[in-house]
Amino acid sequence: MSLEKTQTSESFRLSALLSFSGGLQDAYTYNVRDGIFANAQTGNVVLMSQSFMQGAWEKGLSYMLPLLFFAAGIFLTERIENRFKLGSRIHWRQIVLFIEIIMLIVVGFLPDRLNMLANILVSFSCAMQVQTFRKVHGYGYASTMCIGNLRSATESLSQYIRTKERRLLFKSLHFFGIILIFAIGAGIGGILSIKLGIGTIWISPAILLVVALMMVKE
């Protein structure tokens, strides 16, 4: 096993925390912030297009802005990685995490009338996370969405049934595990969002702080 595969940033434990947080954020923005998806940008594209074609321009814009800021989050993260990847004082992934933490804390203070800004910040944060943490035990995955993980899990399971290679079963279980944890995070996030309201999002920066501390040894 290579050194890359044993990095803390690619461990299943760390990936599970990120996935739980990702699921919670998606449930939060959908339940509390006007039915917008923070992570599932495909859903936002569909709803944006439908709204624009119906002449509901303001509603369409509410779906378009999170999409644009999701792209902006990926762009900024790539720039941070390029600038600080070789730095010795602090890991570039920790820099990204601290930016996410600050933005998500701010979101918890934004009132309902600023839902659009809240959704923009959460989408930006989610994009930074998905761009920063892309592997679990060397396998490419996404911590804030499920479709790619489901494809990889099912493909690996099919290959295992055919070849009986244990590594393929191991890979499949990793992806199914990530999906399950994402779903648990979404379920808990949905319930807490309904009960606690806008402050529910503060659970995510707390989780991200734990993730940042886990990476100190890197």
C-alpha atoms as a PDB file:
ATOM      1  CA  MET A   1       0.000   0.000   0.000  1.00  0.00           C
ATOM      2  CA  SER A   2       1.392   3.391  -0.977  1.00  0.00           C
ATOM      3  CA  LEU A   3       1.930   6.317   1.354  1.00  0.00           C
ATOM      4  CA  GLU A   4      -0.814   8.244  -0.442  1.00  0.00           C
ATOM      5  CA  LYS A   5      -3.377   5.631   0.486  1.00  0.00           C
ATOM      6  CA  THR A   6      -2.524   5.851   4.166  1.00  0.00           C
ATOM      7  CA  GLN A   7      -2.801   9.621   4.510  1.00  0.00           C
ATOM      8  CA  THR A   8      -5.205  10.808   7.189  1.00  0.00           C
ATOM      9  CA  SER A   9      -7.006  12.916   4.586  1.00  0.00           C
ATOM     10  CA  GLU A  10      -7.902   9.690   2.750  1.00  0.00           C
ATOM     11  CA  SER A  11      -8.880   7.583   5.764  1.00  0.00           C
ATOM     12  CA  PHE A  12     -12.379   6.137   5.975  1.00  0.00           C
ATOM     13  CA  ARG A  13     -12.934   7.708   9.398  1.00  0.00           C
ATOM     14  CA  LEU A  14     -12.198  11.204   8.109  1.00  0.00           C
ATOM     15  CA  SER A  15     -14.211  10.592   4.936  1.00  0.00           C
ATOM     16  CA  ALA A  16     -17.157   9.413   7.027  1.00  0.00           C
ATOM     17  CA  LEU A  17     -17.167  12.657   9.024  1.00  0.00           C
ATOM     18  CA  LEU A  18     -17.071  14.710   5.833  1.00  0.00           C
ATOM     19  CA  SER A  19     -19.896  12.696   4.290  1.00  0.00           C
ATOM     20  CA  PHE A  20     -22.055  13.049   7.396  1.00  0.00           C
ATOM     21  CA  SER A  21     -21.487  16.804   7.300  1.00  0.00           C
ATOM     22  CA  GLY A  22     -22.239  16.910   3.576  1.00  0.00           C
ATOM     23  CA  GLY A  23     -25.554  15.134   4.033  1.00  0.00           C
ATOM     24  CA  LEU A  24     -26.504  17.411   6.904  1.00  0.00           C
ATOM     25  CA  GLN A  25     -25.774  20.524   4.836  1.00  0.00           C
ATOM     26  CA  ASP A  26     -27.923  19.374   1.942  1.00  0.00           C
ATOM     27  CA  ALA A  27     -30.856  18.630   4.261  1.00  0.00           C
ATOM     28  CA  TYR A  28     -30.341  21.969   6.003  1.00  0.00           C
ATOM     29  CA  THR A  29     -30.520  24.146   2.896  1.00  0.00           C
ATOM     30  CA  TYR A  30     -33.471  22.182   1.516  1.00  0.00           C
ATOM     31  CA  ASN A  31     -35.521  22.275   4.719  1.00  0.00           C
ATOM     32  CA  VAL A  32     -34.562  25.670   6.116  1.00  0.00           C
ATOM     33  CA  ARG A  33     -33.301  27.750   3.189  1.00  0.00           C
ATOM     34  CA  ASP A  34     -36.063  27.747   0.559  1.00  0.00           C
ATOM     35  CA  GLY A  35     -35.688  24.232  -0.841  1.00  0.00           C
ATOM     36  CA  ILE A  36     -32.279  24.771  -2.427  1.00  0.00           C
ATOM     37  CA  PHE A  37     -29.744  21.944  -2.679  1.00  0.00           C
ATOM     38  CA  ALA A  38     -26.297  22.878  -1.384  1.00  0.00           C
ATOM     39  CA  ASN A  39     -24.574  19.850  -2.922  1.00  0.00           C
ATOM     40  CA  ALA A  40     -26.828  18.351  -5.586  1.00  0.00           C
ATOM     41  CA  GLN A  41     -26.196  20.923  -8.285  1.00  0.00           C
ATOM     42  CA  THR A  42     -27.881  18.730 -10.893  1.00  0.00           C
ATOM     43  CA  GLY A  43     -31.146  19.288  -9.052  1.00  0.00           C
ATOM     44  CA  ASN A  44     -30.496  23.023  -9.031  1.00  0.00           C
ATOM     45  CA  VAL A  45     -29.857  23.010 -12.788  1.00  0.00           C
ATOM     46  CA  VAL A  46     -33.180  21.258 -13.410  1.00  0.00           C
ATOM     47  CA  LEU A  47     -35.128  23.622 -11.147  1.00  0.00           C
ATOM     48  CA  MET A  48     -33.292  26.679 -12.505  1.00  0.00           C
ATOM     49  CA  SER A  49     -34.098  25.810 -16.098  1.00  0.00           C
ATOM     50  CA  GLN A  50     -37.722  25.055 -15.267  1.00  0.00           C
ATOM     51  CA  SER A  51     -38.108  28.341 -13.397  1.00  0.00           C
ATOM     52  CA  PHE A  52     -36.566  30.417 -16.174  1.00  0.00           C
ATOM     53  CA  MET A  53     -38.749  28.776 -18.817  1.00  0.00           C
ATOM     54  CA  GLN A  54     -41.842  29.512 -16.710  1.00  0.00           C
ATOM     55  CA  GLY A  55     -40.812  33.134 -16.432  1.00  0.00           C
ATOM     56  CA  ALA A  56     -40.069  32.876 -12.705  1.00  0.00           C
ATOM     57  CA  TRP A  57     -36.815  34.798 -13.003  1.00  0.00           C
ATOM     58  CA  GLU A  58     -36.230  35.478  -9.325  1.00  0.00           C
ATOM     59  CA  LYS A  59     -36.782  31.834  -8.419  1.00  0.00           C
ATOM     60  CA  GLY A  60     -34.524  30.733 -11.262  1.00  0.00           C
ATOM     61  CA  LEU A  61     -31.827  33.057  -9.975  1.00  0.00           C
ATOM     62  CA  SER A  62     -32.089  31.491  -6.519  1.00  0.00           C
ATOM     63  CA  TYR A  63     -31.056  28.176  -8.092  1.00  0.00           C
ATOM     64  CA  MET A  64     -28.463  29.634 -10.453  1.00  0.00           C
ATOM     65  CA  LEU A  65     -26.402  31.534  -7.870  1.00  0.00           C
ATOM     66  CA  PRO A  66     -25.583  28.476  -5.716  1.00  0.00           C
ATOM     67  CA  LEU A  67     -24.543  26.707  -8.917  1.00  0.00           C
ATOM     68  CA  LEU A  68     -22.213  29.535  -9.908  1.00  0.00           C
ATOM     69  CA  PHE A  69     -20.710  29.802  -6.446  1.00  0.00           C
ATOM     70  CA  PHE A  70     -20.214  26.032  -6.341  1.00  0.00           C
ATOM     71  CA  ALA A  71     -18.028  26.460  -9.420  1.00  0.00           C
ATOM     72  CA  ALA A  72     -16.291  29.414  -7.759  1.00  0.00           C
ATOM     73  CA  GLY A  73     -15.546  27.290  -4.701  1.00  0.00           C
ATOM     74  CA  ILE A  74     -13.833  24.675  -6.839  1.00  0.00           C
ATOM     75  CA  PHE A  75     -11.838  27.391  -8.612  1.00  0.00           C
ATOM     76  CA  LEU A  76     -10.633  28.956  -5.348  1.00  0.00           C
ATOM     77  CA  THR A  77      -9.718  25.588  -3.840  1.00  0.00           C
ATOM     78  CA  GLU A  78      -7.587  24.697  -6.842  1.00  0.00           C
ATOM     79  CA  ARG A  79      -5.780  28.007  -6.458  1.00  0.00           C
ATOM     80  CA  ILE A  80      -5.212  27.393  -2.732  1.00  0.00           C
ATOM     81  CA  GLU A  81      -3.838  23.927  -3.435  1.00  0.00           C
ATOM     82  CA  ASN A  82      -1.448  25.267  -6.066  1.00  0.00           C
ATOM     83  CA  ARG A  83      -0.279  28.083  -3.799  1.00  0.00           C
ATOM     84  CA  PHE A  84       0.150  26.204  -0.501  1.00  0.00           C
ATOM     85  CA  LYS A  85       0.624  22.545  -1.451  1.00  0.00           C
ATOM     86  CA  LEU A  86       4.345  22.665  -0.757  1.00  0.00           C
ATOM     87  CA  GLY A  87       4.020  24.786   2.392  1.00  0.00           C
ATOM     88  CA  SER A  88       5.415  23.332   5.611  1.00  0.00           C
ATOM     89  CA  ARG A  89       3.634  25.316   8.331  1.00  0.00           C
ATOM     90  CA  ILE A  90       0.064  24.267   7.633  1.00  0.00           C
ATOM     91  CA  HIS A  91      -1.483  21.746   5.248  1.00  0.00           C
ATOM     92  CA  TRP A  92      -3.383  23.342   2.368  1.00  0.00           C
ATOM     93  CA  ARG A  93      -6.388  21.155   3.185  1.00  0.00           C
ATOM     94  CA  GLN A  94      -6.505  22.658   6.659  1.00  0.00           C
ATOM     95  CA  ILE A  95      -6.579  26.144   5.139  1.00  0.00           C
ATOM     96  CA  VAL A  96      -9.622  25.109   3.127  1.00  0.00           C
ATOM     97  CA  LEU A  97     -11.280  23.621   6.198  1.00  0.00           C
ATOM     98  CA  PHE A  98     -10.788  26.815   8.211  1.00  0.00           C
ATOM     99  CA  ILE A  99     -12.382  28.861   5.403  1.00  0.00           C
ATOM    100  CA  GLU A 100     -15.320  26.443   5.357  1.00  0.00           C
ATOM    101  CA  ILE A 101     -15.693  26.613   9.125  1.00  0.00           C
ATOM    102  CA  ILE A 102     -15.852  30.414   9.117  1.00  0.00           C
ATOM    103  CA  MET A 103     -18.406  30.523   6.287  1.00  0.00           C
ATOM    104  CA  LEU A 104     -20.682  27.926   7.881  1.00  0.00           C
ATOM    105  CA  ILE A 105     -20.575  29.680  11.246  1.00  0.00           C
ATOM    106  CA  VAL A 106     -21.657  32.878   9.483  1.00  0.00           C
ATOM    107  CA  VAL A 107     -24.527  31.016   7.781  1.00  0.00           C
ATOM    108  CA  GLY A 108     -25.979  30.112  11.174  1.00  0.00           C
ATOM    109  CA  PHE A 109     -26.378  33.812  11.982  1.00  0.00           C
ATOM    110  CA  LEU A 110     -28.111  34.785   8.727  1.00  0.00           C
ATOM    111  CA  PRO A 111     -31.859  35.426   9.086  1.00  0.00           C
ATOM    112  CA  ASP A 112     -34.501  34.004   6.758  1.00  0.00           C
ATOM    113  CA  ARG A 113     -34.531  37.105   4.585  1.00  0.00           C
ATOM    114  CA  LEU A 114     -30.923  36.298   3.601  1.00  0.00           C
ATOM    115  CA  ASN A 115     -31.602  32.709   2.552  1.00  0.00           C
ATOM    116  CA  MET A 116     -30.065  33.290  -0.868  1.00  0.00           C
ATOM    117  CA  LEU A 117     -26.785  34.418   0.681  1.00  0.00           C
ATOM    118  CA  ALA A 118     -26.878  31.453   3.062  1.00  0.00           C
ATOM    119  CA  ASN A 119     -27.332  29.020   0.178  1.00  0.00           C
ATOM    120  CA  ILE A 120     -24.508  30.644  -1.750  1.00  0.00           C
ATOM    121  CA  LEU A 121     -22.125  30.282   1.191  1.00  0.00           C
ATOM    122  CA  VAL A 122     -23.077  26.653   1.856  1.00  0.00           C
ATOM    123  CA  SER A 123     -22.711  25.743  -1.826  1.00  0.00           C
ATOM    124  CA  PHE A 124     -19.335  27.491  -1.936  1.00  0.00           C
ATOM    125  CA  SER A 125     -18.247  25.560   1.143  1.00  0.00           C
ATOM    126  CA  CYS A 126     -19.472  22.237  -0.235  1.00  0.00           C
ATOM    127  CA  ALA A 127     -17.553  22.814  -3.450  1.00  0.00           C
ATOM    128  CA  MET A 128     -14.360  23.478  -1.517  1.00  0.00           C
ATOM    129  CA  GLN A 129     -14.864  20.257   0.414  1.00  0.00           C
ATOM    130  CA  VAL A 130     -15.560  18.057  -2.591  1.00  0.00           C
ATOM    131  CA  GLN A 131     -12.533  19.492  -4.411  1.00  0.00           C
ATOM    132  CA  THR A 132     -10.232  19.104  -1.389  1.00  0.00           C
ATOM    133  CA  PHE A 133     -11.117  15.577  -0.283  1.00  0.00           C
ATOM    134  CA  ARG A 134     -11.376  13.352  -3.343  1.00  0.00           C
ATOM    135  CA  LYS A 135     -10.110   9.955  -2.200  1.00  0.00           C
ATOM    136  CA  VAL A 136     -10.865   7.387   0.486  1.00  0.00           C
ATOM    137  CA  HIS A 137      -8.128   4.745   0.790  1.00  0.00           C
ATOM    138  CA  GLY A 138      -6.959   5.710  -2.676  1.00  0.00           C
ATOM    139  CA  TYR A 139     -10.412   5.389  -4.275  1.00  0.00           C
ATOM    140  CA  GLY A 140     -11.911   8.489  -5.870  1.00  0.00           C
ATOM    141  CA  TYR A 141     -15.145   9.539  -4.168  1.00  0.00           C
ATOM    142  CA  ALA A 142     -17.301  12.570  -3.362  1.00  0.00           C
ATOM    143  CA  SER A 143     -18.150  13.505   0.232  1.00  0.00           C
ATOM    144  CA  THR A 144     -21.056  15.804  -0.639  1.00  0.00           C
ATOM    145  CA  MET A 145     -23.050  13.774  -3.180  1.00  0.00           C
ATOM    146  CA  CYS A 146     -23.952  10.150  -3.885  1.00  0.00           C
ATOM    147  CA  ILE A 147     -24.409   9.409  -7.582  1.00  0.00           C
ATOM    148  CA  GLY A 148     -20.735   8.828  -8.379  1.00  0.00           C
ATOM    149  CA  ASN A 149     -20.245   6.828  -5.194  1.00  0.00           C
ATOM    150  CA  LEU A 150     -23.257   4.643  -6.008  1.00  0.00           C
ATOM    151  CA  ARG A 151     -21.899   3.950  -9.479  1.00  0.00           C
ATOM    152  CA  SER A 152     -18.467   2.998  -8.108  1.00  0.00           C
ATOM    153  CA  ALA A 153     -19.939   0.852  -5.325  1.00  0.00           C
ATOM    154  CA  THR A 154     -22.197  -1.088  -7.664  1.00  0.00           C
ATOM    155  CA  GLU A 155     -19.527  -1.504 -10.337  1.00  0.00           C
ATOM    156  CA  SER A 156     -17.043  -2.850  -7.790  1.00  0.00           C
ATOM    157  CA  LEU A 157     -19.628  -5.223  -6.331  1.00  0.00           C
ATOM    158  CA  SER A 158     -20.407  -6.595  -9.786  1.00  0.00           C
ATOM    159  CA  GLN A 159     -16.709  -7.072 -10.497  1.00  0.00           C
ATOM    160  CA  TYR A 160     -16.226  -8.829  -7.153  1.00  0.00           C
ATOM    161  CA  ILE A 161     -19.059 -11.272  -7.844  1.00  0.00           C
ATOM    162  CA  ARG A 162     -17.434 -12.100 -11.170  1.00  0.00           C
ATOM    163  CA  THR A 163     -13.759 -12.254 -10.119  1.00  0.00           C
ATOM    164  CA  LYS A 164     -13.921 -12.918  -6.336  1.00  0.00           C
ATOM    165  CA  GLU A 165     -11.105 -10.399  -5.783  1.00  0.00           C
ATOM    166  CA  ARG A 166     -11.365  -9.245  -2.176  1.00  0.00           C
ATOM    167  CA  ARG A 167     -10.007  -5.783  -2.942  1.00  0.00           C
ATOM    168  CA  LEU A 168     -13.080  -5.160  -5.096  1.00  0.00           C
ATOM    169  CA  LEU A 169     -15.387  -6.119  -2.244  1.00  0.00           C
ATOM    170  CA  PHE A 170     -13.352  -3.876   0.058  1.00  0.00           C
ATOM    171  CA  LYS A 171     -13.717  -1.020  -2.434  1.00  0.00           C
ATOM    172  CA  SER A 172     -17.454  -1.587  -2.833  1.00  0.00           C
ATOM    173  CA  LEU A 173     -18.046  -1.616   0.916  1.00  0.00           C
ATOM    174  CA  HIS A 174     -16.139   1.648   1.273  1.00  0.00           C
ATOM    175  CA  PHE A 175     -18.440   3.373  -1.194  1.00  0.00           C
ATOM    176  CA  PHE A 176     -21.634   1.874   0.224  1.00  0.00           C
ATOM    177  CA  GLY A 177     -20.457   2.897   3.678  1.00  0.00           C
ATOM    178  CA  ILE A 178     -19.906   6.489   2.569  1.00  0.00           C
ATOM    179  CA  ILE A 179     -23.390   6.571   1.011  1.00  0.00           C
ATOM    180  CA  LEU A 180     -24.961   5.198   4.187  1.00  0.00           C
ATOM    181  CA  ILE A 181     -23.217   7.787   6.356  1.00  0.00           C
ATOM    182  CA  PHE A 182     -24.238  10.575   3.980  1.00  0.00           C
ATOM    183  CA  ALA A 183     -27.836   9.372   4.248  1.00  0.00           C
ATOM    184  CA  ILE A 184     -27.634   9.291   8.051  1.00  0.00           C
ATOM    185  CA  GLY A 185     -26.252  12.831   8.066  1.00  0.00           C
ATOM    186  CA  ALA A 186     -29.067  13.962   5.761  1.00  0.00           C
ATOM    187  CA  GLY A 187     -31.708  12.290   7.916  1.00  0.00           C
ATOM    188  CA  ILE A 188     -30.399  13.742  11.158  1.00  0.00           C
ATOM    189  CA  GLY A 189     -29.868  17.101   9.487  1.00  0.00           C
ATOM    190  CA  GLY A 190     -33.424  17.117   8.213  1.00  0.00           C
ATOM    191  CA  ILE A 191     -34.921  16.335  11.613  1.00  0.00           C
ATOM    192  CA  LEU A 192     -32.734  18.830  13.469  1.00  0.00           C
ATOM    193  CA  SER A 193     -33.322  21.522  10.837  1.00  0.00           C
ATOM    194  CA  ILE A 194     -37.060  21.299  11.380  1.00  0.00           C
ATOM    195  CA  LYS A 195     -36.672  21.393  15.157  1.00  0.00           C
ATOM    196  CA  LEU A 196     -33.752  23.790  15.614  1.00  0.00           C
ATOM    197  CA  GLY A 197     -33.940  25.987  12.520  1.00  0.00           C
ATOM    198  CA  ILE A 198     -31.104  28.046  11.057  1.00  0.00           C
ATOM    199  CA  GLY A 199     -28.593  27.264  13.815  1.00  0.00           C
ATOM    200  CA  THR A 200     -28.516  23.587  12.831  1.00  0.00           C
ATOM    201  CA  ILE A 201     -25.723  24.330  10.371  1.00  0.00           C
ATOM    202  CA  TRP A 202     -23.310  24.918  13.272  1.00  0.00           C
ATOM    203  CA  ILE A 203     -23.017  21.154  13.613  1.00  0.00           C
ATOM    204  CA  SER A 204     -21.025  21.104  10.379  1.00  0.00           C
ATOM    205  CA  PRO A 205     -18.223  23.504  11.384  1.00  0.00           C
ATOM    206  CA  ALA A 206     -17.862  21.522  14.616  1.00  0.00           C
ATOM    207  CA  ILE A 207     -17.358  18.366  12.555  1.00  0.00           C
ATOM    208  CA  LEU A 208     -14.952  20.136  10.210  1.00  0.00           C
ATOM    209  CA  LEU A 209     -12.915  21.346  13.179  1.00  0.00           C
ATOM    210  CA  VAL A 210     -12.523  17.724  14.285  1.00  0.00           C
ATOM    211  CA  VAL A 211     -11.412  16.847  10.749  1.00  0.00           C
ATOM    212  CA  ALA A 212      -8.827  19.650  10.783  1.00  0.00           C
ATOM    213  CA  LEU A 213      -7.457  18.439  14.121  1.00  0.00           C
ATOM    214  CA  MET A 214      -7.231  14.881  12.776  1.00  0.00           C
ATOM    215  CA  MET A 215      -4.973  16.164  10.029  1.00  0.00           C
ATOM    216  CA  VAL A 216      -2.501  17.913  12.323  1.00  0.00           C
ATOM    217  CA  LYS A 217      -0.171  14.913  12.264  1.00  0.00           C
ATOM    218  CA  GLU A 218       0.127  15.214   8.481  1.00  0.00           C
END
